[in-house]
Amino acid sequence: MHLPKIKVGIDMVRLDKVDRLLADPLAAQRVFHADELQTQSLEHIAGILAAKEAFWKALESPPKWLDVRVSHKPNGKPRLEWKSDLQLIDADVSISHDGEYAVASVMVVVGDGEL
């Protein structure tokens, strides 16, 4: 019998990196869902990118940017949504901003022998 496994990923993003990414609309469309970009400040978008990068680091997997979405709960806390074929039990994310940086940590729970 295998127990679920907890994996953690952390990432830090400079705001100028995100600014350059957003300057190329095609590149931005490969990374972000349209709703992730709506009415968001550069700091918030950097936090979303950091969360996505931390998510893929936790899974030790090459990023498939649009397979994960960062949204917010009614209380404002960020939430991860992922494609069902990733077979995760649960995931949690924390995002913070300071000056020219955004940082995110992600914890994922994977099931029996997955990932």
PDB file of N, CA and C in Angstrom:
ATOM      1  N   MET A   1       0.840  -1.184   0.000  1.00  0.00           N
ATOM      2  CA  MET A   1       0.000   0.000   0.000  1.00  0.00           C
ATOM      3  C   MET A   1       0.886   1.248   0.000  1.00  0.00           C
ATOM      4  N   HIS A   2       0.608   2.141  -0.922  1.00  0.00           N
ATOM      5  CA  HIS A   2       1.354   3.391  -1.012  1.00  0.00           C
ATOM      6  C   HIS A   2       0.511   4.529  -0.462  1.00  0.00           C
ATOM      7  N   LEU A   3       1.160   5.403   0.261  1.00  0.00           N
ATOM      8  CA  LEU A   3       0.476   6.590   0.770  1.00  0.00           C
ATOM      9  C   LEU A   3       0.652   7.736  -0.218  1.00  0.00           C
ATOM     10  N   PRO A   4      -0.249   8.703  -0.178  1.00  0.00           N
ATOM     11  CA  PRO A   4      -0.068   9.882  -1.027  1.00  0.00           C
ATOM     12  C   PRO A   4       1.263  10.563  -0.717  1.00  0.00           C
ATOM     13  N   LYS A   5       1.815  11.200  -1.717  1.00  0.00           N
ATOM     14  CA  LYS A   5       3.100  11.880  -1.574  1.00  0.00           C
ATOM     15  C   LYS A   5       2.881  13.386  -1.686  1.00  0.00           C
ATOM     16  N   ILE A   6       3.538  14.135  -0.807  1.00  0.00           N
ATOM     17  CA  ILE A   6       3.475  15.598  -0.844  1.00  0.00           C
ATOM     18  C   ILE A   6       4.748  16.104  -1.511  1.00  0.00           C
ATOM     19  N   LYS A   7       4.564  16.986  -2.483  1.00  0.00           N
ATOM     20  CA  LYS A   7       5.694  17.587  -3.189  1.00  0.00           C
ATOM     21  C   LYS A   7       5.556  19.104  -3.114  1.00  0.00           C
ATOM     22  N   VAL A   8       6.692  19.799  -3.101  1.00  0.00           N
ATOM     23  CA  VAL A   8       6.691  21.254  -2.946  1.00  0.00           C
ATOM     24  C   VAL A   8       7.542  21.887  -4.046  1.00  0.00           C
ATOM     25  N   GLY A   9       7.069  23.018  -4.555  1.00  0.00           N
ATOM     26  CA  GLY A   9       7.829  23.811  -5.516  1.00  0.00           C
ATOM     27  C   GLY A   9       7.793  25.272  -5.103  1.00  0.00           C
ATOM     28  N   ILE A  10       8.875  25.976  -5.363  1.00  0.00           N
ATOM     29  CA  ILE A  10       8.972  27.406  -5.040  1.00  0.00           C
ATOM     30  C   ILE A  10       9.569  28.112  -6.253  1.00  0.00           C
ATOM     31  N   ASP A  11       9.084  29.313  -6.528  1.00  0.00           N
ATOM     32  CA  ASP A  11       9.657  30.090  -7.620  1.00  0.00           C
ATOM     33  C   ASP A  11       9.570  31.576  -7.312  1.00  0.00           C
ATOM     34  N   MET A  12      10.562  32.313  -7.814  1.00  0.00           N
ATOM     35  CA  MET A  12      10.593  33.764  -7.666  1.00  0.00           C
ATOM     36  C   MET A  12      10.742  34.360  -9.066  1.00  0.00           C
ATOM     37  N   VAL A  13       9.970  35.414  -9.347  1.00  0.00           N
ATOM     38  CA  VAL A  13       9.950  36.031 -10.672  1.00  0.00           C
ATOM     39  C   VAL A  13      10.200  37.529 -10.531  1.00  0.00           C
ATOM     40  N   ARG A  14      11.069  38.055 -11.381  1.00  0.00           N
ATOM     41  CA  ARG A  14      11.279  39.509 -11.439  1.00  0.00           C
ATOM     42  C   ARG A  14      10.175  40.133 -12.281  1.00  0.00           C
ATOM     43  N   LEU A  15       9.698  41.293 -11.864  1.00  0.00           N
ATOM     44  CA  LEU A  15       8.626  41.976 -12.596  1.00  0.00           C
ATOM     45  C   LEU A  15       9.037  42.331 -14.019  1.00  0.00           C
ATOM     46  N   ASP A  16      10.306  42.683 -14.230  1.00  0.00           N
ATOM     47  CA  ASP A  16      10.725  43.045 -15.586  1.00  0.00           C
ATOM     48  C   ASP A  16      10.677  41.855 -16.540  1.00  0.00           C
ATOM     49  N   LYS A  17      10.867  40.641 -16.028  1.00  0.00           N
ATOM     50  CA  LYS A  17      10.730  39.438 -16.859  1.00  0.00           C
ATOM     51  C   LYS A  17       9.291  39.310 -17.358  1.00  0.00           C
ATOM     52  N   VAL A  18       8.351  39.550 -16.481  1.00  0.00           N
ATOM     53  CA  VAL A  18       6.936  39.456 -16.845  1.00  0.00           C
ATOM     54  C   VAL A  18       6.562  40.577 -17.807  1.00  0.00           C
ATOM     55  N   ASP A  19       7.100  41.750 -17.581  1.00  0.00           N
ATOM     56  CA  ASP A  19       6.836  42.875 -18.476  1.00  0.00           C
ATOM     57  C   ASP A  19       7.288  42.545 -19.901  1.00  0.00           C
ATOM     58  N   ARG A  20       8.463  41.930 -20.033  1.00  0.00           N
ATOM     59  CA  ARG A  20       8.953  41.529 -21.361  1.00  0.00           C
ATOM     60  C   ARG A  20       8.064  40.450 -21.968  1.00  0.00           C
ATOM     61  N   LEU A  21       7.620  39.499 -21.155  1.00  0.00           N
ATOM     62  CA  LEU A  21       6.732  38.436 -21.641  1.00  0.00           C
ATOM     63  C   LEU A  21       5.419  39.020 -22.153  1.00  0.00           C
ATOM     64  N   LEU A  22       4.859  39.956 -21.420  1.00  0.00           N
ATOM     65  CA  LEU A  22       3.584  40.556 -21.812  1.00  0.00           C
ATOM     66  C   LEU A  22       3.715  41.434 -23.054  1.00  0.00           C
ATOM     67  N   ALA A  23       4.929  41.890 -23.351  1.00  0.00           N
ATOM     68  CA  ALA A  23       5.146  42.707 -24.551  1.00  0.00           C
ATOM     69  C   ALA A  23       5.002  41.880 -25.828  1.00  0.00           C
ATOM     70  N   ASP A  24       5.049  40.553 -25.694  1.00  0.00           N
ATOM     71  CA  ASP A  24       4.870  39.646 -26.833  1.00  0.00           C
ATOM     72  C   ASP A  24       3.540  38.922 -26.655  1.00  0.00           C
ATOM     73  N   PRO A  25       2.470  39.393 -27.300  1.00  0.00           N
ATOM     74  CA  PRO A  25       1.144  38.805 -27.088  1.00  0.00           C
ATOM     75  C   PRO A  25       1.076  37.302 -27.361  1.00  0.00           C
ATOM     76  N   LEU A  26       1.802  36.811 -28.363  1.00  0.00           N
ATOM     77  CA  LEU A  26       1.774  35.370 -28.647  1.00  0.00           C
ATOM     78  C   LEU A  26       2.420  34.569 -27.521  1.00  0.00           C
ATOM     79  N   ALA A  27       3.521  35.068 -26.990  1.00  0.00           N
ATOM     80  CA  ALA A  27       4.172  34.390 -25.866  1.00  0.00           C
ATOM     81  C   ALA A  27       3.260  34.399 -24.645  1.00  0.00           C
ATOM     82  N   ALA A  28       2.625  35.528 -24.385  1.00  0.00           N
ATOM     83  CA  ALA A  28       1.720  35.626 -23.232  1.00  0.00           C
ATOM     84  C   ALA A  28       0.556  34.649 -23.364  1.00  0.00           C
ATOM     85  N   GLN A  29       0.035  34.462 -24.579  1.00  0.00           N
ATOM     86  CA  GLN A  29      -1.081  33.528 -24.797  1.00  0.00           C
ATOM     87  C   GLN A  29      -0.665  32.080 -24.575  1.00  0.00           C
ATOM     88  N   ARG A  30       0.620  31.773 -24.719  1.00  0.00           N
ATOM     89  CA  ARG A  30       1.103  30.406 -24.477  1.00  0.00           C
ATOM     90  C   ARG A  30       1.252  30.116 -22.983  1.00  0.00           C
ATOM     91  N   VAL A  31       1.302  31.175 -22.170  1.00  0.00           N
ATOM     92  CA  VAL A  31       1.559  31.011 -20.735  1.00  0.00           C
ATOM     93  C   VAL A  31       0.316  31.266 -19.889  1.00  0.00           C
ATOM     94  N   PHE A  32      -0.480  32.268 -20.269  1.00  0.00           N
ATOM     95  CA  PHE A  32      -1.596  32.712 -19.435  1.00  0.00           C
ATOM     96  C   PHE A  32      -2.946  32.477 -20.105  1.00  0.00           C
ATOM     97  N   HIS A  33      -3.941  32.133 -19.297  1.00  0.00           N
ATOM     98  CA  HIS A  33      -5.336  32.139 -19.740  1.00  0.00           C
ATOM     99  C   HIS A  33      -5.788  33.600 -19.766  1.00  0.00           C
ATOM    100  N   ALA A  34      -6.727  33.914 -20.644  1.00  0.00           N
ATOM    101  CA  ALA A  34      -7.185  35.304 -20.789  1.00  0.00           C
ATOM    102  C   ALA A  34      -7.653  35.886 -19.459  1.00  0.00           C
ATOM    103  N   ASP A  35      -8.368  35.089 -18.650  1.00  0.00           N
ATOM    104  CA  ASP A  35      -8.878  35.613 -17.380  1.00  0.00           C
ATOM    105  C   ASP A  35      -7.763  35.871 -16.369  1.00  0.00           C
ATOM    106  N   GLU A  36      -6.597  35.237 -16.542  1.00  0.00           N
ATOM    107  CA  GLU A  36      -5.481  35.499 -15.636  1.00  0.00           C
ATOM    108  C   GLU A  36      -4.871  36.878 -15.893  1.00  0.00           C
ATOM    109  N   LEU A  37      -5.110  37.418 -17.070  1.00  0.00           N
ATOM    110  CA  LEU A  37      -4.545  38.719 -17.436  1.00  0.00           C
ATOM    111  C   LEU A  37      -5.512  39.876 -17.246  1.00  0.00           C
ATOM    112  N   GLN A  38      -6.795  39.582 -17.100  1.00  0.00           N
ATOM    113  CA  GLN A  38      -7.797  40.644 -17.027  1.00  0.00           C
ATOM    114  C   GLN A  38      -7.662  41.445 -15.739  1.00  0.00           C
ATOM    115  N   THR A  39      -7.643  42.736 -15.896  1.00  0.00           N
ATOM    116  CA  THR A  39      -7.619  43.704 -14.784  1.00  0.00           C
ATOM    117  C   THR A  39      -6.612  43.338 -13.689  1.00  0.00           C
ATOM    118  N   GLN A  40      -5.492  42.781 -14.086  1.00  0.00           N
ATOM    119  CA  GLN A  40      -4.464  42.419 -13.112  1.00  0.00           C
ATOM    120  C   GLN A  40      -3.288  43.376 -13.251  1.00  0.00           C
ATOM    121  N   SER A  41      -2.705  43.747 -12.136  1.00  0.00           N
ATOM    122  CA  SER A  41      -1.493  44.562 -12.158  1.00  0.00           C
ATOM    123  C   SER A  41      -0.306  43.676 -12.546  1.00  0.00           C
ATOM    124  N   LEU A  42       0.788  44.299 -12.906  1.00  0.00           N
ATOM    125  CA  LEU A  42       2.002  43.565 -13.240  1.00  0.00           C
ATOM    126  C   LEU A  42       2.432  42.679 -12.072  1.00  0.00           C
ATOM    127  N   GLU A  43       2.287  43.179 -10.841  1.00  0.00           N
ATOM    128  CA  GLU A  43       2.656  42.399  -9.657  1.00  0.00           C
ATOM    129  C   GLU A  43       1.816  41.131  -9.546  1.00  0.00           C
ATOM    130  N   HIS A  44       0.514  41.250  -9.800  1.00  0.00           N
ATOM    131  CA  HIS A  44      -0.355  40.078  -9.716  1.00  0.00           C
ATOM    132  C   HIS A  44      -0.045  39.071 -10.814  1.00  0.00           C
ATOM    133  N   ILE A  45       0.216  39.552 -12.010  1.00  0.00           N
ATOM    134  CA  ILE A  45       0.548  38.643 -13.112  1.00  0.00           C
ATOM    135  C   ILE A  45       1.878  37.944 -12.837  1.00  0.00           C
ATOM    136  N   ALA A  46       2.837  38.653 -12.255  1.00  0.00           N
ATOM    137  CA  ALA A  46       4.104  38.028 -11.874  1.00  0.00           C
ATOM    138  C   ALA A  46       3.870  36.939 -10.827  1.00  0.00           C
ATOM    139  N   GLY A  47       2.964  37.181  -9.892  1.00  0.00           N
ATOM    140  CA  GLY A  47       2.621  36.164  -8.900  1.00  0.00           C
ATOM    141  C   GLY A  47       1.995  34.940  -9.541  1.00  0.00           C
ATOM    142  N   ILE A  48       1.159  35.151 -10.546  1.00  0.00           N
ATOM    143  CA  ILE A  48       0.542  34.035 -11.268  1.00  0.00           C
ATOM    144  C   ILE A  48       1.617  33.222 -11.981  1.00  0.00           C
ATOM    145  N   LEU A  49       2.555  33.902 -12.643  1.00  0.00           N
ATOM    146  CA  LEU A  49       3.638  33.186 -13.320  1.00  0.00           C
ATOM    147  C   LEU A  49       4.486  32.411 -12.315  1.00  0.00           C
ATOM    148  N   ALA A  50       4.814  33.028 -11.188  1.00  0.00           N
ATOM    149  CA  ALA A  50       5.596  32.334 -10.158  1.00  0.00           C
ATOM    150  C   ALA A  50       4.851  31.102  -9.657  1.00  0.00           C
ATOM    151  N   ALA A  51       3.530  31.213  -9.483  1.00  0.00           N
ATOM    152  CA  ALA A  51       2.735  30.070  -9.025  1.00  0.00           C
ATOM    153  C   ALA A  51       2.750  28.946 -10.052  1.00  0.00           C
ATOM    154  N   LYS A  52       2.609  29.288 -11.325  1.00  0.00           N
ATOM    155  CA  LYS A  52       2.637  28.260 -12.369  1.00  0.00           C
ATOM    156  C   LYS A  52       4.006  27.580 -12.422  1.00  0.00           C
ATOM    157  N   GLU A  53       5.072  28.367 -12.343  1.00  0.00           N
ATOM    158  CA  GLU A  53       6.410  27.779 -12.365  1.00  0.00           C
ATOM    159  C   GLU A  53       6.636  26.895 -11.139  1.00  0.00           C
ATOM    160  N   ALA A  54       6.192  27.336  -9.969  1.00  0.00           N
ATOM    161  CA  ALA A  54       6.337  26.532  -8.751  1.00  0.00           C
ATOM    162  C   ALA A  54       5.535  25.236  -8.854  1.00  0.00           C
ATOM    163  N   PHE A  55       4.356  25.302  -9.471  1.00  0.00           N
ATOM    164  CA  PHE A  55       3.517  24.114  -9.668  1.00  0.00           C
ATOM    165  C   PHE A  55       4.276  23.062 -10.469  1.00  0.00           C
ATOM    166  N   TRP A  56       4.862  23.468 -11.591  1.00  0.00           N
ATOM    167  CA  TRP A  56       5.577  22.502 -12.428  1.00  0.00           C
ATOM    168  C   TRP A  56       6.854  22.021 -11.761  1.00  0.00           C
ATOM    169  N   LYS A  57       7.491  22.858 -10.954  1.00  0.00           N
ATOM    170  CA  LYS A  57       8.665  22.402 -10.207  1.00  0.00           C
ATOM    171  C   LYS A  57       8.269  21.333  -9.192  1.00  0.00           C
ATOM    172  N   ALA A  58       7.137  21.523  -8.539  1.00  0.00           N
ATOM    173  CA  ALA A  58       6.669  20.522  -7.574  1.00  0.00           C
ATOM    174  C   ALA A  58       6.424  19.185  -8.262  1.00  0.00           C
ATOM    175  N   LEU A  59       5.916  19.226  -9.478  1.00  0.00           N
ATOM    176  CA  LEU A  59       5.632  17.991 -10.212  1.00  0.00           C
ATOM    177  C   LEU A  59       6.869  17.425 -10.905  1.00  0.00           C
ATOM    178  N   GLU A  60       7.972  18.187 -10.876  1.00  0.00           N
ATOM    179  CA  GLU A  60       9.203  17.768 -11.551  1.00  0.00           C
ATOM    180  C   GLU A  60       8.904  17.415 -13.003  1.00  0.00           C
ATOM    181  N   SER A  61       8.188  18.299 -13.651  1.00  0.00           N
ATOM    182  CA  SER A  61       7.687  18.043 -14.990  1.00  0.00           C
ATOM    183  C   SER A  61       7.904  19.279 -15.854  1.00  0.00           C
ATOM    184  N   PRO A  62       8.152  19.097 -17.163  1.00  0.00           N
ATOM    185  CA  PRO A  62       8.251  20.282 -18.024  1.00  0.00           C
ATOM    186  C   PRO A  62       6.929  21.043 -18.020  1.00  0.00           C
ATOM    187  N   PRO A  63       6.987  22.358 -18.014  1.00  0.00           N
ATOM    188  CA  PRO A  63       5.746  23.134 -17.918  1.00  0.00           C
ATOM    189  C   PRO A  63       4.860  23.014 -19.148  1.00  0.00           C
ATOM    190  N   LYS A  64       3.604  22.812 -18.893  1.00  0.00           N
ATOM    191  CA  LYS A  64       2.541  22.931 -19.891  1.00  0.00           C
ATOM    192  C   LYS A  64       1.656  24.032 -19.325  1.00  0.00           C
ATOM    193  N   TRP A  65       2.016  25.263 -19.632  1.00  0.00           N
ATOM    194  CA  TRP A  65       1.482  26.436 -18.952  1.00  0.00           C
ATOM    195  C   TRP A  65      -0.031  26.472 -18.877  1.00  0.00           C
ATOM    196  N   LEU A  66      -0.720  26.113 -19.940  1.00  0.00           N
ATOM    197  CA  LEU A  66      -2.174  26.252 -19.952  1.00  0.00           C
ATOM    198  C   LEU A  66      -2.887  25.068 -19.303  1.00  0.00           C
ATOM    199  N   ASP A  67      -2.135  24.075 -18.817  1.00  0.00           N
ATOM    200  CA  ASP A  67      -2.742  22.964 -18.081  1.00  0.00           C
ATOM    201  C   ASP A  67      -3.040  23.333 -16.632  1.00  0.00           C
ATOM    202  N   VAL A  68      -2.582  24.500 -16.204  1.00  0.00           N
ATOM    203  CA  VAL A  68      -2.873  24.974 -14.846  1.00  0.00           C
ATOM    204  C   VAL A  68      -3.348  26.423 -14.932  1.00  0.00           C
ATOM    205  N   ARG A  69      -4.291  26.748 -14.079  1.00  0.00           N
ATOM    206  CA  ARG A  69      -4.867  28.097 -14.036  1.00  0.00           C
ATOM    207  C   ARG A  69      -4.807  28.588 -12.590  1.00  0.00           C
ATOM    208  N   VAL A  70      -4.480  29.861 -12.443  1.00  0.00           N
ATOM    209  CA  VAL A  70      -4.484  30.489 -11.122  1.00  0.00           C
ATOM    210  C   VAL A  70      -5.688  31.419 -11.069  1.00  0.00           C
ATOM    211  N   SER A  71      -6.568  31.155 -10.119  1.00  0.00           N
ATOM    212  CA  SER A  71      -7.733  32.017  -9.900  1.00  0.00           C
ATOM    213  C   SER A  71      -7.734  32.400  -8.422  1.00  0.00           C
ATOM    214  N   HIS A  72      -8.818  32.995  -7.972  1.00  0.00           N
ATOM    215  CA  HIS A  72      -8.877  33.416  -6.567  1.00  0.00           C
ATOM    216  C   HIS A  72     -10.194  32.986  -5.935  1.00  0.00           C
ATOM    217  N   LYS A  73     -10.098  32.588  -4.683  1.00  0.00           N
ATOM    218  CA  LYS A  73     -11.286  32.264  -3.897  1.00  0.00           C
ATOM    219  C   LYS A  73     -11.995  33.571  -3.533  1.00  0.00           C
ATOM    220  N   PRO A  74     -13.241  33.494  -3.070  1.00  0.00           N
ATOM    221  CA  PRO A  74     -13.954  34.724  -2.689  1.00  0.00           C
ATOM    222  C   PRO A  74     -13.215  35.570  -1.646  1.00  0.00           C
ATOM    223  N   ASN A  75     -12.407  34.921  -0.796  1.00  0.00           N
ATOM    224  CA  ASN A  75     -11.663  35.670   0.220  1.00  0.00           C
ATOM    225  C   ASN A  75     -10.360  36.264  -0.322  1.00  0.00           C
ATOM    226  N   GLY A  76     -10.084  36.067  -1.618  1.00  0.00           N
ATOM    227  CA  GLY A  76      -8.900  36.630  -2.247  1.00  0.00           C
ATOM    228  C   GLY A  76      -7.698  35.706  -2.295  1.00  0.00           C
ATOM    229  N   LYS A  77      -7.741  34.584  -1.563  1.00  0.00           N
ATOM    230  CA  LYS A  77      -6.617  33.647  -1.569  1.00  0.00           C
ATOM    231  C   LYS A  77      -6.493  33.003  -2.948  1.00  0.00           C
ATOM    232  N   PRO A  78      -5.263  32.876  -3.462  1.00  0.00           N
ATOM    233  CA  PRO A  78      -5.106  32.233  -4.764  1.00  0.00           C
ATOM    234  C   PRO A  78      -5.458  30.749  -4.710  1.00  0.00           C
ATOM    235  N   ARG A  79      -5.905  30.261  -5.856  1.00  0.00           N
ATOM    236  CA  ARG A  79      -6.319  28.856  -5.972  1.00  0.00           C
ATOM    237  C   ARG A  79      -5.770  28.327  -7.292  1.00  0.00           C
ATOM    238  N   LEU A  80      -5.335  27.073  -7.288  1.00  0.00           N
ATOM    239  CA  LEU A  80      -4.864  26.407  -8.501  1.00  0.00           C
ATOM    240  C   LEU A  80      -5.953  25.500  -9.049  1.00  0.00           C
ATOM    241  N   GLU A  81      -6.111  25.527 -10.350  1.00  0.00           N
ATOM    242  CA  GLU A  81      -6.997  24.597 -11.050  1.00  0.00           C
ATOM    243  C   GLU A  81      -6.135  23.922 -12.112  1.00  0.00           C
ATOM    244  N   TRP A  82      -6.259  22.606 -12.254  1.00  0.00           N
ATOM    245  CA  TRP A  82      -5.411  21.878 -13.187  1.00  0.00           C
ATOM    246  C   TRP A  82      -6.242  20.896 -13.991  1.00  0.00           C
ATOM    247  N   LYS A  83      -5.664  20.468 -15.120  1.00  0.00           N
ATOM    248  CA  LYS A  83      -6.333  19.487 -15.969  1.00  0.00           C
ATOM    249  C   LYS A  83      -6.464  18.180 -15.201  1.00  0.00           C
ATOM    250  N   SER A  84      -7.589  17.529 -15.345  1.00  0.00           N
ATOM    251  CA  SER A  84      -7.864  16.322 -14.562  1.00  0.00           C
ATOM    252  C   SER A  84      -6.896  15.185 -14.865  1.00  0.00           C
ATOM    253  N   ASP A  85      -6.303  15.159 -16.046  1.00  0.00           N
ATOM    254  CA  ASP A  85      -5.394  14.054 -16.354  1.00  0.00           C
ATOM    255  C   ASP A  85      -4.082  14.125 -15.569  1.00  0.00           C
ATOM    256  N   LEU A  86      -3.865  15.192 -14.821  1.00  0.00           N
ATOM    257  CA  LEU A  86      -2.689  15.272 -13.956  1.00  0.00           C
ATOM    258  C   LEU A  86      -2.852  14.406 -12.708  1.00  0.00           C
ATOM    259  N   GLN A  87      -4.059  13.997 -12.399  1.00  0.00           N
ATOM    260  CA  GLN A  87      -4.363  13.053 -11.314  1.00  0.00           C
ATOM    261  C   GLN A  87      -3.768  13.463  -9.963  1.00  0.00           C
ATOM    262  N   LEU A  88      -3.958  14.707  -9.624  1.00  0.00           N
ATOM    263  CA  LEU A  88      -3.532  15.189  -8.312  1.00  0.00           C
ATOM    264  C   LEU A  88      -4.676  15.049  -7.323  1.00  0.00           C
ATOM    265  N   ILE A  89      -4.340  14.801  -6.073  1.00  0.00           N
ATOM    266  CA  ILE A  89      -5.349  14.741  -5.022  1.00  0.00           C
ATOM    267  C   ILE A  89      -5.710  16.149  -4.568  1.00  0.00           C
ATOM    268  N   ASP A  90      -4.693  16.996  -4.394  1.00  0.00           N
ATOM    269  CA  ASP A  90      -4.931  18.355  -3.919  1.00  0.00           C
ATOM    270  C   ASP A  90      -3.707  19.209  -4.227  1.00  0.00           C
ATOM    271  N   ALA A  91      -3.887  20.510  -4.163  1.00  0.00           N
ATOM    272  CA  ALA A  91      -2.774  21.450  -4.331  1.00  0.00           C
ATOM    273  C   ALA A  91      -3.125  22.728  -3.591  1.00  0.00           C
ATOM    274  N   ASP A  92      -2.104  23.402  -3.104  1.00  0.00           N
ATOM    275  CA  ASP A  92      -2.302  24.686  -2.437  1.00  0.00           C
ATOM    276  C   ASP A  92      -1.184  25.619  -2.879  1.00  0.00           C
ATOM    277  N   VAL A  93      -1.475  26.906  -2.888  1.00  0.00           N
ATOM    278  CA  VAL A  93      -0.510  27.892  -3.360  1.00  0.00           C
ATOM    279  C   VAL A  93      -0.521  29.105  -2.440  1.00  0.00           C
ATOM    280  N   SER A  94       0.650  29.695  -2.271  1.00  0.00           N
ATOM    281  CA  SER A  94       0.792  30.960  -1.564  1.00  0.00           C
ATOM    282  C   SER A  94       1.637  31.871  -2.445  1.00  0.00           C
ATOM    283  N   ILE A  95       1.195  33.111  -2.607  1.00  0.00           N
ATOM    284  CA  ILE A  95       1.891  34.079  -3.454  1.00  0.00           C
ATOM    285  C   ILE A  95       2.181  35.324  -2.624  1.00  0.00           C
ATOM    286  N   SER A  96       3.389  35.875  -2.804  1.00  0.00           N
ATOM    287  CA  SER A  96       3.755  37.107  -2.116  1.00  0.00           C
ATOM    288  C   SER A  96       4.498  38.016  -3.089  1.00  0.00           C
ATOM    289  N   HIS A  97       4.467  39.312  -2.804  1.00  0.00           N
ATOM    290  CA  HIS A  97       5.129  40.310  -3.641  1.00  0.00           C
ATOM    291  C   HIS A  97       5.979  41.200  -2.742  1.00  0.00           C
ATOM    292  N   ASP A  98       7.156  41.583  -3.259  1.00  0.00           N
ATOM    293  CA  ASP A  98       7.991  42.541  -2.544  1.00  0.00           C
ATOM    294  C   ASP A  98       8.880  43.249  -3.557  1.00  0.00           C
ATOM    295  N   GLY A  99       8.684  44.530  -3.680  1.00  0.00           N
ATOM    296  CA  GLY A  99       9.502  45.304  -4.604  1.00  0.00           C
ATOM    297  C   GLY A  99       9.392  44.802  -6.029  1.00  0.00           C
ATOM    298  N   GLU A 100      10.523  44.428  -6.597  1.00  0.00           N
ATOM    299  CA  GLU A 100      10.591  43.988  -7.991  1.00  0.00           C
ATOM    300  C   GLU A 100      10.382  42.487  -8.164  1.00  0.00           C
ATOM    301  N   TYR A 101       9.920  41.802  -7.110  1.00  0.00           N
ATOM    302  CA  TYR A 101       9.807  40.348  -7.161  1.00  0.00           C
ATOM    303  C   TYR A 101       8.421  39.874  -6.734  1.00  0.00           C
ATOM    304  N   ALA A 102       8.044  38.732  -7.305  1.00  0.00           N
ATOM    305  CA  ALA A 102       6.895  37.962  -6.825  1.00  0.00           C
ATOM    306  C   ALA A 102       7.425  36.561  -6.541  1.00  0.00           C
ATOM    307  N   VAL A 103       6.929  35.957  -5.491  1.00  0.00           N
ATOM    308  CA  VAL A 103       7.356  34.612  -5.130  1.00  0.00           C
ATOM    309  C   VAL A 103       6.121  33.772  -4.849  1.00  0.00           C
ATOM    310  N   ALA A 104       6.205  32.486  -5.176  1.00  0.00           N
ATOM    311  CA  ALA A 104       5.088  31.581  -4.906  1.00  0.00           C
ATOM    312  C   ALA A 104       5.630  30.243  -4.430  1.00  0.00           C
ATOM    313  N   SER A 105       4.894  29.642  -3.520  1.00  0.00           N
ATOM    314  CA  SER A 105       5.181  28.268  -3.111  1.00  0.00           C
ATOM    315  C   SER A 105       3.930  27.446  -3.377  1.00  0.00           C
ATOM    316  N   VAL A 106       4.147  26.234  -3.851  1.00  0.00           N
ATOM    317  CA  VAL A 106       3.050  25.332  -4.192  1.00  0.00           C
ATOM    318  C   VAL A 106       3.305  23.987  -3.535  1.00  0.00           C
ATOM    319  N   MET A 107       2.265  23.426  -2.952  1.00  0.00           N
ATOM    320  CA  MET A 107       2.306  22.083  -2.407  1.00  0.00           C
ATOM    321  C   MET A 107       1.285  21.255  -3.170  1.00  0.00           C
ATOM    322  N   VAL A 108       1.713  20.101  -3.685  1.00  0.00           N
ATOM    323  CA  VAL A 108       0.785  19.205  -4.366  1.00  0.00           C
ATOM    324  C   VAL A 108       0.783  17.862  -3.648  1.00  0.00           C
ATOM    325  N   VAL A 109      -0.359  17.220  -3.653  1.00  0.00           N
ATOM    326  CA  VAL A 109      -0.500  15.879  -3.102  1.00  0.00           C
ATOM    327  C   VAL A 109      -0.817  14.961  -4.271  1.00  0.00           C
ATOM    328  N   VAL A 110       0.078  14.005  -4.502  1.00  0.00           N
ATOM    329  CA  VAL A 110      -0.109  13.055  -5.595  1.00  0.00           C
ATOM    330  C   VAL A 110      -0.462  11.699  -5.004  1.00  0.00           C
ATOM    331  N   GLY A 111      -1.251  10.969  -5.747  1.00  0.00           N
ATOM    332  CA  GLY A 111      -1.752   9.692  -5.256  1.00  0.00           C
ATOM    333  C   GLY A 111      -0.765   8.554  -5.412  1.00  0.00           C
ATOM    334  N   ASP A 112      -1.259   7.395  -5.172  1.00  0.00           N
ATOM    335  CA  ASP A 112      -0.550   6.127  -5.176  1.00  0.00           C
ATOM    336  C   ASP A 112       0.305   5.943  -6.435  1.00  0.00           C
ATOM    337  N   GLY A 113       1.608   6.155  -6.284  1.00  0.00           N
ATOM    338  CA  GLY A 113       2.524   5.900  -7.378  1.00  0.00           C
ATOM    339  C   GLY A 113       2.470   6.894  -8.523  1.00  0.00           C
ATOM    340  N   GLU A 114       1.722   7.957  -8.394  1.00  0.00           N
ATOM    341  CA  GLU A 114       1.599   8.944  -9.469  1.00  0.00           C
ATOM    342  C   GLU A 114       2.759   9.916  -9.428  1.00  0.00           C
ATOM    343  N   LEU A 115       3.136  10.393 -10.593  1.00  0.00           N
ATOM    344  CA  LEU A 115       4.149  11.423 -10.778  1.00  0.00           C
ATOM    345  C   LEU A 115       5.381  11.095  -9.971  1.00  0.00           C
TER     346      LEU A 115
END
